[in-house]
Amino acid sequence: MTPIVLKNLPYAIMDRTFIAMTATSPMVVIVHPPSSYKSLKDLESDAKKDPGGFTWTSLGGAGAPDFTTRQFLKVIGVEVTRTKPIMSQGGSQAVVLTAGGNAKMGLGTVSACLPAIKGGTVRPLAVTSKQRWPDLAEVPTTLELGYPTVNHQYWIGVSGPPKLPSHIVEIWDGAFQEMLKDPEIMSKLKNIGCILFYHNSREMKEYVMKETEEVRELWGLK
């Protein structure tokens, strides 16, 4: 999403050669435990009642938390410009800000949020995956809660320079496919809060194009 939100980058993302996507991590919606928020509906009600007082953790305007928040605010009919983002320098700081009660709604990847969830310093309300996360089995998905379009996930992929020869792409893609069959690799992915999310070159390009269009819409750039 960066090339859409941030101008004058020295490259065009769609000019690159897409090789493969490998893994993903859902976003987790978290709140300060002493807060009255017990569900996404509680957050929705508060955002509708007092948009100007609705605070949420942001990575500066172009990160996964911003994407997820804009999806949420769009579906509940609240203009993002009427709300108040609380800037953080990364996912870990966003969790700390939420744990300290500095933001009403916090967002982060599983790896960023899980230690604080287990430690009881934040309370999870939802995950943006299609299925419940194994280590957070008691936390419902946004799909279950009636927010199917609040579904952004942090993903990992590999691309190369423009016009990379197809046989090079095939070699790399084959290596990734073999790598993702390795139980040890899968275990390590799970340890960092990720799961398998394989897409080949064509599928990755289509995914990026679709996500780019959603960014344009959510950021009002069409």
C-alpha atoms as a PDB file:
ATOM      1  CA  MET A   1       0.000   0.000   0.000  1.00  0.00           C
ATOM      2  CA  THR A   2       2.974   2.336   0.474  1.00  0.00           C
ATOM      3  CA  PRO A   3       3.227   3.468  -3.181  1.00  0.00           C
ATOM      4  CA  ILE A   4      -0.434   4.494  -3.054  1.00  0.00           C
ATOM      5  CA  VAL A   5      -0.266   6.505   0.155  1.00  0.00           C
ATOM      6  CA  LEU A   6       3.294   7.834  -0.116  1.00  0.00           C
ATOM      7  CA  LYS A   7       4.164   9.782  -3.244  1.00  0.00           C
ATOM      8  CA  ASN A   8       7.388  10.158  -5.220  1.00  0.00           C
ATOM      9  CA  LEU A   9       8.809   6.730  -4.477  1.00  0.00           C
ATOM     10  CA  PRO A  10      11.769   5.831  -6.713  1.00  0.00           C
ATOM     11  CA  TYR A  11      10.030   2.715  -8.037  1.00  0.00           C
ATOM     12  CA  ALA A  12       6.649   1.512  -9.265  1.00  0.00           C
ATOM     13  CA  ILE A  13       5.452  -1.530  -7.358  1.00  0.00           C
ATOM     14  CA  MET A  14       3.569  -3.037 -10.302  1.00  0.00           C
ATOM     15  CA  ASP A  15       6.719  -2.883 -12.451  1.00  0.00           C
ATOM     16  CA  ARG A  16       8.441  -5.410 -10.217  1.00  0.00           C
ATOM     17  CA  THR A  17       8.479  -9.121 -10.946  1.00  0.00           C
ATOM     18  CA  PHE A  18       6.288 -10.944  -8.458  1.00  0.00           C
ATOM     19  CA  ILE A  19       7.729 -14.304  -7.416  1.00  0.00           C
ATOM     20  CA  ALA A  20       5.650 -15.767  -4.567  1.00  0.00           C
ATOM     21  CA  MET A  21       3.797 -15.038  -1.351  1.00  0.00           C
ATOM     22  CA  THR A  22       4.697 -17.351   1.489  1.00  0.00           C
ATOM     23  CA  ALA A  23       3.076 -16.510   4.833  1.00  0.00           C
ATOM     24  CA  THR A  24       0.556 -14.298   6.558  1.00  0.00           C
ATOM     25  CA  SER A  25      -0.461 -13.108  10.006  1.00  0.00           C
ATOM     26  CA  PRO A  26      -3.893 -11.735  10.882  1.00  0.00           C
ATOM     27  CA  MET A  27      -4.371  -8.514  12.742  1.00  0.00           C
ATOM     28  CA  VAL A  28      -5.623  -8.698  16.310  1.00  0.00           C
ATOM     29  CA  VAL A  29      -7.991  -6.070  17.699  1.00  0.00           C
ATOM     30  CA  ILE A  30      -7.014  -5.360  21.301  1.00  0.00           C
ATOM     31  CA  VAL A  31      -8.210  -3.034  24.069  1.00  0.00           C
ATOM     32  CA  HIS A  32      -7.082  -1.862  27.505  1.00  0.00           C
ATOM     33  CA  PRO A  33      -8.414  -4.483  29.990  1.00  0.00           C
ATOM     34  CA  PRO A  34     -10.073  -1.987  32.386  1.00  0.00           C
ATOM     35  CA  SER A  35     -12.058  -0.492  29.501  1.00  0.00           C
ATOM     36  CA  SER A  36     -15.745  -1.204  29.062  1.00  0.00           C
ATOM     37  CA  TYR A  37     -15.204  -2.660  25.596  1.00  0.00           C
ATOM     38  CA  LYS A  38     -16.092  -6.341  25.535  1.00  0.00           C
ATOM     39  CA  SER A  39     -16.767  -6.726  21.805  1.00  0.00           C
ATOM     40  CA  LEU A  40     -16.372  -5.055  18.421  1.00  0.00           C
ATOM     41  CA  LYS A  41     -19.977  -3.882  18.761  1.00  0.00           C
ATOM     42  CA  ASP A  42     -18.911  -1.880  21.818  1.00  0.00           C
ATOM     43  CA  LEU A  43     -16.152  -0.238  19.783  1.00  0.00           C
ATOM     44  CA  GLU A  44     -18.602   0.408  16.960  1.00  0.00           C
ATOM     45  CA  SER A  45     -21.083   2.076  19.293  1.00  0.00           C
ATOM     46  CA  ASP A  46     -18.426   4.320  20.801  1.00  0.00           C
ATOM     47  CA  ALA A  47     -16.979   5.301  17.412  1.00  0.00           C
ATOM     48  CA  LYS A  48     -20.436   6.233  16.146  1.00  0.00           C
ATOM     49  CA  LYS A  49     -21.336   8.149  19.296  1.00  0.00           C
ATOM     50  CA  ASP A  50     -18.088  10.085  19.628  1.00  0.00           C
ATOM     51  CA  PRO A  51     -15.882   9.860  16.519  1.00  0.00           C
ATOM     52  CA  GLY A  52     -13.655  12.703  17.688  1.00  0.00           C
ATOM     53  CA  GLY A  53     -12.851  10.853  20.885  1.00  0.00           C
ATOM     54  CA  PHE A  54     -12.287   7.505  19.210  1.00  0.00           C
ATOM     55  CA  THR A  55      -8.556   6.750  19.326  1.00  0.00           C
ATOM     56  CA  TRP A  56      -6.714   3.940  17.587  1.00  0.00           C
ATOM     57  CA  THR A  57      -3.095   2.913  17.036  1.00  0.00           C
ATOM     58  CA  SER A  58      -1.581   3.919  13.702  1.00  0.00           C
ATOM     59  CA  LEU A  59       1.740   3.260  12.002  1.00  0.00           C
ATOM     60  CA  GLY A  60       1.790   6.696  10.463  1.00  0.00           C
ATOM     61  CA  GLY A  61      -0.930   6.334   7.870  1.00  0.00           C
ATOM     62  CA  ALA A  62       0.190   3.474   5.652  1.00  0.00           C
ATOM     63  CA  GLY A  63       0.510   0.368   7.808  1.00  0.00           C
ATOM     64  CA  ALA A  64      -1.589  -2.732   8.359  1.00  0.00           C
ATOM     65  CA  PRO A  65      -3.293  -1.227  11.460  1.00  0.00           C
ATOM     66  CA  ASP A  66      -4.376   1.762   9.357  1.00  0.00           C
ATOM     67  CA  PHE A  67      -5.715  -0.538   6.641  1.00  0.00           C
ATOM     68  CA  THR A  68      -7.682  -2.601   9.165  1.00  0.00           C
ATOM     69  CA  THR A  69      -9.036   0.456  10.973  1.00  0.00           C
ATOM     70  CA  ARG A  70     -10.209   2.015   7.719  1.00  0.00           C
ATOM     71  CA  GLN A  71     -11.985  -1.241   6.828  1.00  0.00           C
ATOM     72  CA  PHE A  72     -13.699  -1.202  10.219  1.00  0.00           C
ATOM     73  CA  LEU A  73     -14.693   2.457  10.098  1.00  0.00           C
ATOM     74  CA  LYS A  74     -15.986   2.124   6.544  1.00  0.00           C
ATOM     75  CA  VAL A  75     -18.287  -0.775   7.386  1.00  0.00           C
ATOM     76  CA  ILE A  76     -19.744   1.039  10.415  1.00  0.00           C
ATOM     77  CA  GLY A  77     -20.160   4.306   8.501  1.00  0.00           C
ATOM     78  CA  VAL A  78     -17.689   6.535  10.380  1.00  0.00           C
ATOM     79  CA  GLU A  79     -15.309   8.859   8.527  1.00  0.00           C
ATOM     80  CA  VAL A  80     -11.719   8.075   9.468  1.00  0.00           C
ATOM     81  CA  THR A  81     -10.862  11.785   9.361  1.00  0.00           C
ATOM     82  CA  ARG A  82     -13.225  12.377  12.285  1.00  0.00           C
ATOM     83  CA  THR A  83     -11.347   9.911  14.498  1.00  0.00           C
ATOM     84  CA  LYS A  84      -7.987  10.281  16.223  1.00  0.00           C
ATOM     85  CA  PRO A  85      -5.032   8.043  15.315  1.00  0.00           C
ATOM     86  CA  ILE A  86      -2.359   7.571  17.970  1.00  0.00           C
ATOM     87  CA  MET A  87       0.987   7.239  16.215  1.00  0.00           C
ATOM     88  CA  SER A  88       3.361   4.420  17.084  1.00  0.00           C
ATOM     89  CA  GLN A  89       6.763   3.464  15.731  1.00  0.00           C
ATOM     90  CA  GLY A  90       5.883  -0.202  15.365  1.00  0.00           C
ATOM     91  CA  GLY A  91       3.592  -3.018  16.369  1.00  0.00           C
ATOM     92  CA  SER A  92       5.178  -3.510  19.778  1.00  0.00           C
ATOM     93  CA  GLN A  93       4.767   0.143  20.686  1.00  0.00           C
ATOM     94  CA  ALA A  94       1.136   0.016  19.552  1.00  0.00           C
ATOM     95  CA  VAL A  95       0.549  -2.804  22.029  1.00  0.00           C
ATOM     96  CA  VAL A  96       2.235  -0.805  24.801  1.00  0.00           C
ATOM     97  CA  LEU A  97       0.106   2.248  24.008  1.00  0.00           C
ATOM     98  CA  THR A  98      -3.048   0.133  24.188  1.00  0.00           C
ATOM     99  CA  ALA A  99      -1.950  -1.558  27.397  1.00  0.00           C
ATOM    100  CA  GLY A 100      -1.423   1.866  28.921  1.00  0.00           C
ATOM    101  CA  GLY A 101      -4.906   3.033  27.977  1.00  0.00           C
ATOM    102  CA  ASN A 102      -3.605   5.581  25.473  1.00  0.00           C
ATOM    103  CA  ALA A 103      -5.743   4.232  22.631  1.00  0.00           C
ATOM    104  CA  LYS A 104      -9.260   2.864  22.712  1.00  0.00           C
ATOM    105  CA  MET A 105      -8.565   0.377  19.933  1.00  0.00           C
ATOM    106  CA  GLY A 106      -5.184  -1.198  19.319  1.00  0.00           C
ATOM    107  CA  LEU A 107      -4.136  -3.359  16.411  1.00  0.00           C
ATOM    108  CA  GLY A 108      -1.163  -5.594  15.835  1.00  0.00           C
ATOM    109  CA  THR A 109      -0.037  -8.889  14.385  1.00  0.00           C
ATOM    110  CA  VAL A 110      -0.323 -12.079  16.399  1.00  0.00           C
ATOM    111  CA  SER A 111       3.397 -12.020  17.229  1.00  0.00           C
ATOM    112  CA  ALA A 112       3.185  -8.427  18.488  1.00  0.00           C
ATOM    113  CA  CYS A 113       0.058  -8.988  20.588  1.00  0.00           C
ATOM    114  CA  LEU A 114       0.331 -12.527  21.920  1.00  0.00           C
ATOM    115  CA  PRO A 115       2.787 -11.899  24.814  1.00  0.00           C
ATOM    116  CA  ALA A 116       0.679  -9.013  26.114  1.00  0.00           C
ATOM    117  CA  ILE A 117      -2.518 -11.040  25.726  1.00  0.00           C
ATOM    118  CA  LYS A 118      -1.034 -13.933  27.674  1.00  0.00           C
ATOM    119  CA  GLY A 119       0.255 -11.480  30.279  1.00  0.00           C
ATOM    120  CA  GLY A 120      -3.179  -9.911  30.686  1.00  0.00           C
ATOM    121  CA  THR A 121      -2.042  -6.389  29.809  1.00  0.00           C
ATOM    122  CA  VAL A 122      -4.381  -6.201  26.789  1.00  0.00           C
ATOM    123  CA  ARG A 123      -7.670  -7.909  25.983  1.00  0.00           C
ATOM    124  CA  PRO A 124      -8.254  -9.335  22.481  1.00  0.00           C
ATOM    125  CA  LEU A 125     -11.626  -8.786  20.844  1.00  0.00           C
ATOM    126  CA  ALA A 126     -11.154 -10.280  17.384  1.00  0.00           C
ATOM    127  CA  VAL A 127      -8.722 -11.602  14.797  1.00  0.00           C
ATOM    128  CA  THR A 128      -9.003 -10.825  11.083  1.00  0.00           C
ATOM    129  CA  SER A 129      -8.358 -14.372   9.828  1.00  0.00           C
ATOM    130  CA  LYS A 130     -11.019 -16.636   8.328  1.00  0.00           C
ATOM    131  CA  GLN A 131     -10.486 -19.217  11.064  1.00  0.00           C
ATOM    132  CA  ARG A 132      -9.662 -18.752  14.725  1.00  0.00           C
ATOM    133  CA  TRP A 133      -5.990 -18.592  15.531  1.00  0.00           C
ATOM    134  CA  PRO A 134      -4.715 -21.751  17.288  1.00  0.00           C
ATOM    135  CA  ASP A 135      -3.066 -19.865  20.164  1.00  0.00           C
ATOM    136  CA  LEU A 136      -6.109 -17.610  20.547  1.00  0.00           C
ATOM    137  CA  ALA A 137      -8.844 -20.181  20.191  1.00  0.00           C
ATOM    138  CA  GLU A 138     -11.217 -18.249  22.461  1.00  0.00           C
ATOM    139  CA  VAL A 139     -11.002 -15.095  20.335  1.00  0.00           C
ATOM    140  CA  PRO A 140     -13.635 -14.861  17.564  1.00  0.00           C
ATOM    141  CA  THR A 141     -12.864 -13.826  14.007  1.00  0.00           C
ATOM    142  CA  THR A 142     -14.216 -10.646  12.453  1.00  0.00           C
ATOM    143  CA  LEU A 143     -16.107 -12.907  10.050  1.00  0.00           C
ATOM    144  CA  GLU A 144     -17.854 -14.657  12.938  1.00  0.00           C
ATOM    145  CA  LEU A 145     -18.740 -11.299  14.479  1.00  0.00           C
ATOM    146  CA  GLY A 146     -20.441 -10.015  11.348  1.00  0.00           C
ATOM    147  CA  TYR A 147     -17.613  -7.897   9.910  1.00  0.00           C
ATOM    148  CA  PRO A 148     -16.535  -9.984   6.876  1.00  0.00           C
ATOM    149  CA  THR A 149     -14.885  -7.039   5.104  1.00  0.00           C
ATOM    150  CA  VAL A 150     -12.638  -6.294   8.087  1.00  0.00           C
ATOM    151  CA  ASN A 151     -10.154  -8.873   6.900  1.00  0.00           C
ATOM    152  CA  HIS A 152      -6.771  -7.271   6.261  1.00  0.00           C
ATOM    153  CA  GLN A 153      -3.759  -9.428   7.029  1.00  0.00           C
ATOM    154  CA  TYR A 154      -0.043  -8.769   7.159  1.00  0.00           C
ATOM    155  CA  TRP A 155       1.602 -10.902   4.495  1.00  0.00           C
ATOM    156  CA  ILE A 156       5.100 -11.867   3.415  1.00  0.00           C
ATOM    157  CA  GLY A 157       6.117 -12.184  -0.207  1.00  0.00           C
ATOM    158  CA  VAL A 158       9.110 -11.969  -2.497  1.00  0.00           C
ATOM    159  CA  SER A 159       9.514  -9.901  -5.641  1.00  0.00           C
ATOM    160  CA  GLY A 160      12.419  -9.126  -7.945  1.00  0.00           C
ATOM    161  CA  PRO A 161      13.513  -6.373 -10.308  1.00  0.00           C
ATOM    162  CA  PRO A 162      11.436  -5.588 -13.409  1.00  0.00           C
ATOM    163  CA  LYS A 163      11.551  -8.092 -16.274  1.00  0.00           C
ATOM    164  CA  LEU A 164      13.215 -10.832 -14.296  1.00  0.00           C
ATOM    165  CA  PRO A 165      13.507 -13.842 -16.656  1.00  0.00           C
ATOM    166  CA  SER A 166      10.707 -16.371 -16.225  1.00  0.00           C
ATOM    167  CA  HIS A 167      13.084 -19.285 -15.640  1.00  0.00           C
ATOM    168  CA  ILE A 168      14.580 -17.412 -12.664  1.00  0.00           C
ATOM    169  CA  VAL A 169      11.072 -16.865 -11.261  1.00  0.00           C
ATOM    170  CA  GLU A 170      10.328 -20.571 -11.685  1.00  0.00           C
ATOM    171  CA  ILE A 171      13.510 -21.582  -9.873  1.00  0.00           C
ATOM    172  CA  TRP A 172      12.742 -19.305  -6.919  1.00  0.00           C
ATOM    173  CA  ASP A 173       9.097 -20.328  -6.826  1.00  0.00           C
ATOM    174  CA  GLY A 174      10.039 -24.014  -6.817  1.00  0.00           C
ATOM    175  CA  ALA A 175      12.435 -23.394  -3.945  1.00  0.00           C
ATOM    176  CA  PHE A 176       9.729 -21.652  -1.928  1.00  0.00           C
ATOM    177  CA  GLN A 177       7.284 -24.494  -2.555  1.00  0.00           C
ATOM    178  CA  GLU A 178       9.803 -27.027  -1.286  1.00  0.00           C
ATOM    179  CA  MET A 179      10.664 -24.842   1.698  1.00  0.00           C
ATOM    180  CA  LEU A 180       7.016 -24.552   2.711  1.00  0.00           C
ATOM    181  CA  LYS A 181       6.707 -28.351   2.855  1.00  0.00           C
ATOM    182  CA  ASP A 182       9.326 -28.491   5.606  1.00  0.00           C
ATOM    183  CA  PRO A 183       7.676 -29.104   9.021  1.00  0.00           C
ATOM    184  CA  GLU A 184      10.487 -27.229  10.747  1.00  0.00           C
ATOM    185  CA  ILE A 185       9.861 -24.155   8.587  1.00  0.00           C
ATOM    186  CA  MET A 186       6.142 -24.333   9.300  1.00  0.00           C
ATOM    187  CA  SER A 187       6.833 -24.620  13.016  1.00  0.00           C
ATOM    188  CA  LYS A 188       9.089 -21.573  12.914  1.00  0.00           C
ATOM    189  CA  LEU A 189       6.467 -19.616  11.009  1.00  0.00           C
ATOM    190  CA  LYS A 190       3.924 -20.461  13.693  1.00  0.00           C
ATOM    191  CA  ASN A 191       6.387 -19.353  16.379  1.00  0.00           C
ATOM    192  CA  ILE A 192       6.476 -15.877  14.839  1.00  0.00           C
ATOM    193  CA  GLY A 193       2.697 -15.736  14.485  1.00  0.00           C
ATOM    194  CA  CYS A 194       2.439 -16.681  10.817  1.00  0.00           C
ATOM    195  CA  ILE A 195       0.793 -19.406   8.778  1.00  0.00           C
ATOM    196  CA  LEU A 196       1.237 -20.712   5.240  1.00  0.00           C
ATOM    197  CA  PHE A 197      -0.140 -18.314   2.610  1.00  0.00           C
ATOM    198  CA  TYR A 198       1.343 -19.538  -0.654  1.00  0.00           C
ATOM    199  CA  HIS A 199       0.544 -17.693  -3.886  1.00  0.00           C
ATOM    200  CA  ASN A 200       2.495 -18.177  -7.102  1.00  0.00           C
ATOM    201  CA  SER A 201       3.726 -15.303  -9.263  1.00  0.00           C
ATOM    202  CA  ARG A 202       0.438 -14.727 -11.079  1.00  0.00           C
ATOM    203  CA  GLU A 203      -1.669 -15.100  -7.945  1.00  0.00           C
ATOM    204  CA  MET A 204       0.578 -12.727  -6.014  1.00  0.00           C
ATOM    205  CA  LYS A 205       0.295 -10.069  -8.707  1.00  0.00           C
ATOM    206  CA  GLU A 206      -3.494 -10.410  -8.744  1.00  0.00           C
ATOM    207  CA  TYR A 207      -3.583 -10.191  -4.943  1.00  0.00           C
ATOM    208  CA  VAL A 208      -1.461  -7.037  -4.928  1.00  0.00           C
ATOM    209  CA  MET A 209      -3.572  -5.448  -7.661  1.00  0.00           C
ATOM    210  CA  LYS A 210      -6.773  -6.173  -5.738  1.00  0.00           C
ATOM    211  CA  GLU A 211      -5.302  -4.852  -2.487  1.00  0.00           C
ATOM    212  CA  THR A 212      -4.066  -1.738  -4.300  1.00  0.00           C
ATOM    213  CA  GLU A 213      -7.583  -0.997  -5.506  1.00  0.00           C
ATOM    214  CA  GLU A 214      -8.949  -1.382  -1.990  1.00  0.00           C
ATOM    215  CA  VAL A 215      -6.278   0.993  -0.684  1.00  0.00           C
ATOM    216  CA  ARG A 216      -7.285   3.564  -3.302  1.00  0.00           C
ATOM    217  CA  GLU A 217     -10.882   3.264  -2.170  1.00  0.00           C
ATOM    218  CA  LEU A 218     -10.215   3.330   1.587  1.00  0.00           C
ATOM    219  CA  TRP A 219      -7.848   6.286   1.302  1.00  0.00           C
ATOM    220  CA  GLY A 220     -10.172   8.144  -1.096  1.00  0.00           C
ATOM    221  CA  LEU A 221      -7.646   8.182  -3.929  1.00  0.00           C
ATOM    222  CA  LYS A 222      -9.895   7.082  -6.791  1.00  0.00           C
END
